[in-house]
C-alpha atoms as a PDB file:
ATOM      1  CA  MET A   1      32.915-120.287 297.288  1.00  0.00           C
ATOM      2  CA  VAL A   2      33.905-117.940 300.471  1.00  0.00           C
ATOM      3  CA  SER A   3      33.666-119.218 304.045  1.00  0.00           C
ATOM      4  CA  SER A   4      32.403-123.020 303.189  1.00  0.00           C
ATOM      5  CA  ARG A   5      34.169-124.544 305.659  1.00  0.00           C
ATOM      6  CA  SER A   6      32.365-122.552 307.872  1.00  0.00           C
ATOM      7  CA  LEU A   7      29.275-124.664 307.224  1.00  0.00           C
ATOM      8  CA  SER A   8      27.735-127.661 308.902  1.00  0.00           C
ATOM      9  CA  ALA A   9      28.861-131.143 307.255  1.00  0.00           C
ATOM     10  CA  ALA A  10      25.034-131.286 305.989  1.00  0.00           C
ATOM     11  CA  ARG A  11      25.082-128.302 304.386  1.00  0.00           C
ATOM     12  CA  ARG A  12      28.445-128.240 302.734  1.00  0.00           C
ATOM     13  CA  SER A  13      27.608-131.500 301.054  1.00  0.00           C
ATOM     14  CA  ARG A  14      24.423-129.675 299.686  1.00  0.00           C
ATOM     15  CA  ALA A  15      26.302-126.039 298.432  1.00  0.00           C
ATOM     16  CA  GLN A  16      29.218-128.770 297.406  1.00  0.00           C
ATOM     17  CA  LYS A  17      26.177-130.695 295.244  1.00  0.00           C
ATOM     18  CA  GLU A  18      25.292-126.970 293.890  1.00  0.00           C
ATOM     19  CA  PHE A  19      28.542-126.002 293.136  1.00  0.00           C
ATOM     20  CA  THR A  20      29.373-128.874 290.880  1.00  0.00           C
ATOM     21  CA  GLY A  21      25.815-128.982 289.079  1.00  0.00           C
ATOM     22  CA  LEU A  22      26.537-125.071 288.759  1.00  0.00           C
ATOM     23  CA  VAL A  23      30.078-125.938 286.973  1.00  0.00           C
ATOM     24  CA  ASP A  24      28.549-128.607 285.367  1.00  0.00           C
ATOM     25  CA  GLY A  25      26.151-126.429 283.932  1.00  0.00           C
ATOM     26  CA  LEU A  26      28.943-122.936 282.597  1.00  0.00           C
ATOM     27  CA  ASN A  27      30.078-125.869 280.431  1.00  0.00           C
ATOM     28  CA  ARG A  28      27.173-126.522 279.266  1.00  0.00           C
ATOM     29  CA  LEU A  29      26.088-122.763 278.549  1.00  0.00           C
ATOM     30  CA  TYR A  30      29.624-121.364 277.310  1.00  0.00           C
ATOM     31  CA  ARG A  31      31.011-124.525 275.543  1.00  0.00           C
ATOM     32  CA  LYS A  32      31.988-122.062 272.602  1.00  0.00           C
ATOM     33  CA  GLN A  33      33.663-118.806 274.781  1.00  0.00           C
ATOM     34  CA  LEU A  34      35.635-121.774 276.784  1.00  0.00           C
ATOM     35  CA  ARG A  35      39.665-122.128 275.575  1.00  0.00           C
ATOM     36  CA  ALA A  36      39.605-124.965 278.235  1.00  0.00           C
ATOM     37  CA  LYS A  37      36.207-126.247 280.378  1.00  0.00           C
ATOM     38  CA  PHE A  38      36.014-124.662 283.822  1.00  0.00           C
ATOM     39  CA  VAL A  39      35.807-127.524 286.663  1.00  0.00           C
ATOM     40  CA  ILE A  40      37.085-127.714 290.561  1.00  0.00           C
ATOM     41  CA  THR A  41      40.646-127.720 291.552  1.00  0.00           C
ATOM     42  CA  LEU A  42      40.240-126.874 295.592  1.00  0.00           C
ATOM     43  CA  GLY A  43      36.741-128.518 296.506  1.00  0.00           C
ATOM     44  CA  ASP A  44      35.277-124.868 296.912  1.00  0.00           C
ATOM     45  CA  GLU A  45      37.274-123.220 294.034  1.00  0.00           C
ATOM     46  CA  PHE A  46      36.981-123.030 290.253  1.00  0.00           C
ATOM     47  CA  GLN A  47      38.680-122.132 287.179  1.00  0.00           C
ATOM     48  CA  ALA A  48      38.314-121.880 283.333  1.00  0.00           C
ATOM     49  CA  LEU A  49      40.084-120.205 280.253  1.00  0.00           C
ATOM     50  CA  LEU A  50      37.808-118.150 277.938  1.00  0.00           C
ATOM     51  CA  SER A  51      38.622-117.468 274.482  1.00  0.00           C
ATOM     52  CA  THR A  52      35.966-114.649 274.897  1.00  0.00           C
ATOM     53  CA  ALA A  53      36.088-111.902 277.205  1.00  0.00           C
ATOM     54  CA  ASP A  54      32.955-110.224 276.747  1.00  0.00           C
ATOM     55  CA  VAL A  55      30.928-112.977 277.822  1.00  0.00           C
ATOM     56  CA  ILE A  56      32.123-112.764 281.408  1.00  0.00           C
ATOM     57  CA  PRO A  57      29.131-110.305 282.857  1.00  0.00           C
ATOM     58  CA  LYS A  58      26.526-113.105 281.850  1.00  0.00           C
ATOM     59  CA  ILE A  59      28.632-115.720 283.547  1.00  0.00           C
ATOM     60  CA  VAL A  60      28.846-113.520 287.121  1.00  0.00           C
ATOM     61  CA  TRP A  61      25.083-112.564 286.565  1.00  0.00           C
ATOM     62  CA  GLY A  62      24.428-116.108 285.994  1.00  0.00           C
ATOM     63  CA  LEU A  63      26.860-117.069 289.165  1.00  0.00           C
ATOM     64  CA  GLU A  64      25.388-114.703 291.224  1.00  0.00           C
ATOM     65  CA  HIS A  65      21.490-115.582 290.180  1.00  0.00           C
ATOM     66  CA  HIS A  66      21.679-119.199 290.272  1.00  0.00           C
ATOM     67  CA  PHE A  67      24.043-120.597 293.153  1.00  0.00           C
ATOM     68  CA  THR A  68      23.090-119.160 296.637  1.00  0.00           C
ATOM     69  CA  ALA A  69      24.249-121.416 298.671  1.00  0.00           C
ATOM     70  CA  ARG A  70      27.458-118.940 299.527  1.00  0.00           C
ATOM     71  CA  GLU A  71      28.810-116.039 298.089  1.00  0.00           C
ATOM     72  CA  LEU A  72      30.912-116.326 295.310  1.00  0.00           C
ATOM     73  CA  ARG A  73      34.395-114.712 295.463  1.00  0.00           C
ATOM     74  CA  LEU A  74      35.578-113.881 291.296  1.00  0.00           C
ATOM     75  CA  GLY A  75      38.832-113.256 290.008  1.00  0.00           C
ATOM     76  CA  PHE A  76      39.289-112.797 286.245  1.00  0.00           C
ATOM     77  CA  GLY A  77      43.172-112.385 284.931  1.00  0.00           C
ATOM     78  CA  TYR A  78      44.089-111.418 281.565  1.00  0.00           C
ATOM     79  CA  GLY A  79      47.544-112.551 279.945  1.00  0.00           C
ATOM     80  CA  ARG A  80      49.237-115.605 278.362  1.00  0.00           C
ATOM     81  CA  ILE A  81      48.747-119.015 278.863  1.00  0.00           C
ATOM     82  CA  HIS A  82      52.514-121.293 279.000  1.00  0.00           C
ATOM     83  CA  THR A  83      51.621-124.313 279.666  1.00  0.00           C
ATOM     84  CA  ALA A  84      49.325-127.316 276.724  1.00  0.00           C
ATOM     85  CA  ILE A  85      45.998-125.874 277.318  1.00  0.00           C
ATOM     86  CA  HIS A  86      43.539-129.461 277.333  1.00  0.00           C
ATOM     87  CA  GLU A  87      39.681-130.049 277.748  1.00  0.00           C
ATOM     88  CA  TYR A  88      39.883-128.406 281.545  1.00  0.00           C
ATOM     89  CA  ALA A  89      41.246-125.214 282.571  1.00  0.00           C
ATOM     90  CA  ILE A  90      43.423-127.719 284.950  1.00  0.00           C
ATOM     91  CA  ASN A  91      47.551-127.977 285.111  1.00  0.00           C
ATOM     92  CA  VAL A  92      48.305-124.824 283.518  1.00  0.00           C
ATOM     93  CA  ASP A  93      50.279-121.847 284.075  1.00  0.00           C
ATOM     94  CA  GLY A  94      51.247-118.504 282.730  1.00  0.00           C
ATOM     95  CA  PRO A  95      50.391-114.439 283.617  1.00  0.00           C
ATOM     96  CA  ALA A  96      46.536-115.055 282.765  1.00  0.00           C
ATOM     97  CA  LEU A  97      46.415-117.742 285.770  1.00  0.00           C
ATOM     98  CA  HIS A  98      48.957-115.314 288.193  1.00  0.00           C
ATOM     99  CA  ASN A  99      46.772-112.152 287.550  1.00  0.00           C
ATOM    100  CA  ALA A 100      42.915-114.092 287.904  1.00  0.00           C
ATOM    101  CA  ARG A 101      45.099-115.577 291.742  1.00  0.00           C
ATOM    102  CA  SER A 102      46.102-112.223 292.208  1.00  0.00           C
ATOM    103  CA  ALA A 103      42.432-111.080 291.053  1.00  0.00           C
ATOM    104  CA  ILE A 104      41.104-113.148 293.617  1.00  0.00           C
ATOM    105  CA  GLU A 105      42.929-112.142 296.482  1.00  0.00           C
ATOM    106  CA  LYS A 106      42.013-108.766 296.410  1.00  0.00           C
ATOM    107  CA  ALA A 107      38.940-109.640 296.646  1.00  0.00           C
ATOM    108  CA  LYS A 108      39.475-111.588 299.466  1.00  0.00           C
ATOM    109  CA  ASP A 109      41.716-108.431 301.343  1.00  0.00           C
ATOM    110  CA  GLY A 110      38.991-106.026 299.958  1.00  0.00           C
ATOM    111  CA  GLY A 111      35.480-107.629 300.150  1.00  0.00           C
ATOM    112  CA  LEU A 112      34.544-106.998 297.092  1.00  0.00           C
ATOM    113  CA  ARG A 113      32.011-108.366 295.220  1.00  0.00           C
ATOM    114  CA  GLY A 114      30.600-108.324 291.613  1.00  0.00           C
ATOM    115  CA  GLY A 115      34.338-109.694 290.056  1.00  0.00           C
ATOM    116  CA  VAL A 116      38.062-108.283 290.617  1.00  0.00           C
ATOM    117  CA  PHE A 117      40.029-107.529 286.658  1.00  0.00           C
ATOM    118  CA  GLU A 118      43.767-107.595 286.786  1.00  0.00           C
ATOM    119  CA  GLY A 119      46.160-107.709 284.032  1.00  0.00           C
ATOM    120  CA  PHE A 120      43.644-105.687 281.549  1.00  0.00           C
ATOM    121  CA  GLY A 121      45.669-102.800 281.366  1.00  0.00           C
ATOM    122  CA  PRO A 122      46.112 -99.970 284.299  1.00  0.00           C
ATOM    123  CA  ASP A 123      43.075 -98.219 282.621  1.00  0.00           C
ATOM    124  CA  ARG A 124      40.791-100.685 281.721  1.00  0.00           C
ATOM    125  CA  ASP A 125      41.747-102.869 285.206  1.00  0.00           C
ATOM    126  CA  ALA A 126      40.023 -99.833 285.953  1.00  0.00           C
ATOM    127  CA  THR A 127      37.314 -99.109 284.220  1.00  0.00           C
ATOM    128  CA  LEU A 128      36.041-103.085 284.137  1.00  0.00           C
ATOM    129  CA  ASN A 129      36.521-103.262 288.301  1.00  0.00           C
ATOM    130  CA  GLY A 130      34.418 -99.532 288.730  1.00  0.00           C
ATOM    131  CA  LEU A 131      31.142-100.853 286.653  1.00  0.00           C
ATOM    132  CA  ALA A 132      31.806-104.730 288.252  1.00  0.00           C
ATOM    133  CA  ARG A 133      31.562-102.647 291.767  1.00  0.00           C
ATOM    134  CA  VAL A 134      29.021-100.596 290.911  1.00  0.00           C
ATOM    135  CA  LEU A 135      26.950-103.041 288.817  1.00  0.00           C
ATOM    136  CA  HIS A 136      26.855-105.344 291.944  1.00  0.00           C
ATOM    137  CA  HIS A 137      25.750-102.680 294.342  1.00  0.00           C
ATOM    138  CA  GLN A 138      22.799-102.255 292.373  1.00  0.00           C
ATOM    139  CA  ARG A 139      22.367-105.898 292.774  1.00  0.00           C
ATOM    140  CA  VAL A 140      22.701-106.426 295.853  1.00  0.00           C
ATOM    141  CA  SER A 141      19.843-103.568 296.550  1.00  0.00           C
ATOM    142  CA  TRP A 142      16.966-105.316 295.162  1.00  0.00           C
ATOM    143  CA  SER A 143      14.498-106.550 296.624  1.00  0.00           C
ATOM    144  CA  SER A 144      13.560-110.636 296.265  1.00  0.00           C
ATOM    145  CA  ARG A 145      10.115-109.313 293.641  1.00  0.00           C
ATOM    146  CA  GLN A 146      12.656-106.748 291.976  1.00  0.00           C
ATOM    147  CA  ARG A 147      15.194-109.781 291.207  1.00  0.00           C
ATOM    148  CA  GLU A 148      12.228-112.177 290.432  1.00  0.00           C
ATOM    149  CA  VAL A 149      11.178-109.547 287.534  1.00  0.00           C
ATOM    150  CA  VAL A 150      14.646-108.196 285.979  1.00  0.00           C
ATOM    151  CA  ALA A 151      16.018-111.126 286.534  1.00  0.00           C
ATOM    152  CA  LEU A 152      13.003-111.867 283.819  1.00  0.00           C
ATOM    153  CA  LEU A 153      13.588-108.899 282.001  1.00  0.00           C
ATOM    154  CA  HIS A 154      17.326-109.671 281.548  1.00  0.00           C
ATOM    155  CA  GLU A 155      16.437-113.056 279.961  1.00  0.00           C
ATOM    156  CA  GLY A 156      15.036-110.714 277.392  1.00  0.00           C
ATOM    157  CA  ARG A 157      10.978-111.762 278.621  1.00  0.00           C
ATOM    158  CA  LYS A 158       8.524-108.687 277.365  1.00  0.00           C
ATOM    159  CA  GLY A 159       6.643-106.540 280.553  1.00  0.00           C
ATOM    160  CA  ILE A 160       3.183-108.199 279.571  1.00  0.00           C
ATOM    161  CA  GLU A 161       5.236-111.624 279.392  1.00  0.00           C
ATOM    162  CA  ALA A 162       7.066-111.367 282.817  1.00  0.00           C
ATOM    163  CA  ALA A 163       3.606-110.114 284.769  1.00  0.00           C
ATOM    164  CA  ALA A 164       2.063-113.037 283.589  1.00  0.00           C
ATOM    165  CA  ASP A 165       4.284-115.331 285.081  1.00  0.00           C
ATOM    166  CA  LEU A 166       5.088-113.479 287.999  1.00  0.00           C
ATOM    167  CA  GLY A 167       1.084-113.334 288.406  1.00  0.00           C
ATOM    168  CA  ILE A 168       1.112-109.553 288.230  1.00  0.00           C
ATOM    169  CA  THR A 169       0.121-106.778 286.152  1.00  0.00           C
ATOM    170  CA  LYS A 170       2.366-105.469 283.495  1.00  0.00           C
ATOM    171  CA  GLN A 171       2.203-101.426 285.267  1.00  0.00           C
ATOM    172  CA  ALA A 172       3.593-103.498 288.721  1.00  0.00           C
ATOM    173  CA  VAL A 173       6.673-105.155 286.078  1.00  0.00           C
ATOM    174  CA  SER A 174       7.366-101.556 284.980  1.00  0.00           C
ATOM    175  CA  ARG A 175       6.805 -99.932 288.730  1.00  0.00           C
ATOM    176  CA  TYR A 176       9.593-103.049 289.888  1.00  0.00           C
ATOM    177  CA  ALA A 177      11.977-102.851 287.584  1.00  0.00           C
ATOM    178  CA  ALA A 178      11.508 -98.933 287.632  1.00  0.00           C
ATOM    179  CA  LEU A 179      12.096 -99.180 291.419  1.00  0.00           C
ATOM    180  CA  ALA A 180      15.346-101.432 290.250  1.00  0.00           C
ATOM    181  CA  GLY A 181      16.365 -98.472 288.037  1.00  0.00           C
ATOM    182  CA  TRP A 182      16.640-101.972 285.325  1.00  0.00           C
ATOM    183  CA  GLU A 183      17.246 -99.635 282.572  1.00  0.00           C
ATOM    184  CA  ALA A 184      20.239 -97.947 284.388  1.00  0.00           C
ATOM    185  CA  TYR A 185      21.928-101.509 284.802  1.00  0.00           C
ATOM    186  CA  ARG A 186      21.391-103.174 281.274  1.00  0.00           C
ATOM    187  CA  GLU A 187      22.666-100.117 280.141  1.00  0.00           C
ATOM    188  CA  GLY A 188      25.473-100.528 282.628  1.00  0.00           C
ATOM    189  CA  GLU A 189      26.606-103.960 282.039  1.00  0.00           C
ATOM    190  CA  GLU A 190      26.029-103.310 277.933  1.00  0.00           C
ATOM    191  CA  GLY A 191      29.035-100.798 278.479  1.00  0.00           C
ATOM    192  CA  TRP A 192      31.026-103.501 281.001  1.00  0.00           C
ATOM    193  CA  THR A 193      30.326-105.996 277.902  1.00  0.00           C
ATOM    194  CA  ALA A 194      31.446-103.319 275.211  1.00  0.00           C
ATOM    195  CA  ALA A 195      34.500-102.890 277.612  1.00  0.00           C
ATOM    196  CA  LEU A 196      35.613-105.864 277.452  1.00  0.00           C
ATOM    197  CA  ARG A 197      34.552-106.422 273.501  1.00  0.00           C
ATOM    198  CA  THR A 198      37.818-104.157 272.881  1.00  0.00           C
ATOM    199  CA  LEU A 199      40.218-106.856 274.245  1.00  0.00           C
ATOM    200  CA  GLN A 200      39.845-109.183 271.215  1.00  0.00           C
END
């Protein structure tokens, strides 16, 4: 969580409560893809061990879409774990963790959002980081209404369903989706997922 210590005591308490709820939600939603569950480690940091990498785009989307108290700095490391793996991703060590920590430091030093990848291999790191940066840039350019429309389409809703949910016309949904570059975003996210799937 970026700059959480700069919040007032009351706002920090609310952010921590929201953060805890977020982590609990991730553990429920991705229970089948977790090798070790998400756990809060230092108050405003969290970690998990994934058994499959292709869920990362969905996780990034969910984190950015549902947690609004502060920006999140995300690092993803690939590699082996040399310690015993328990239910929660605590007291683990190995190249995967070191690469994730290095990715977090790069995100911090470079002000990089949307996820930083390290240890996946030089070419893969470049591909995954490039896609992460472009897709994040697109997400932050959306207006609030474009974000609402895209969020529903991202869930798999049809244009007419999104229109009904938002109380607007189907043509308005199409217009907002086009202005947001939804189709290009969808293809980019599918490509990101496909690149991560090659690791399995």
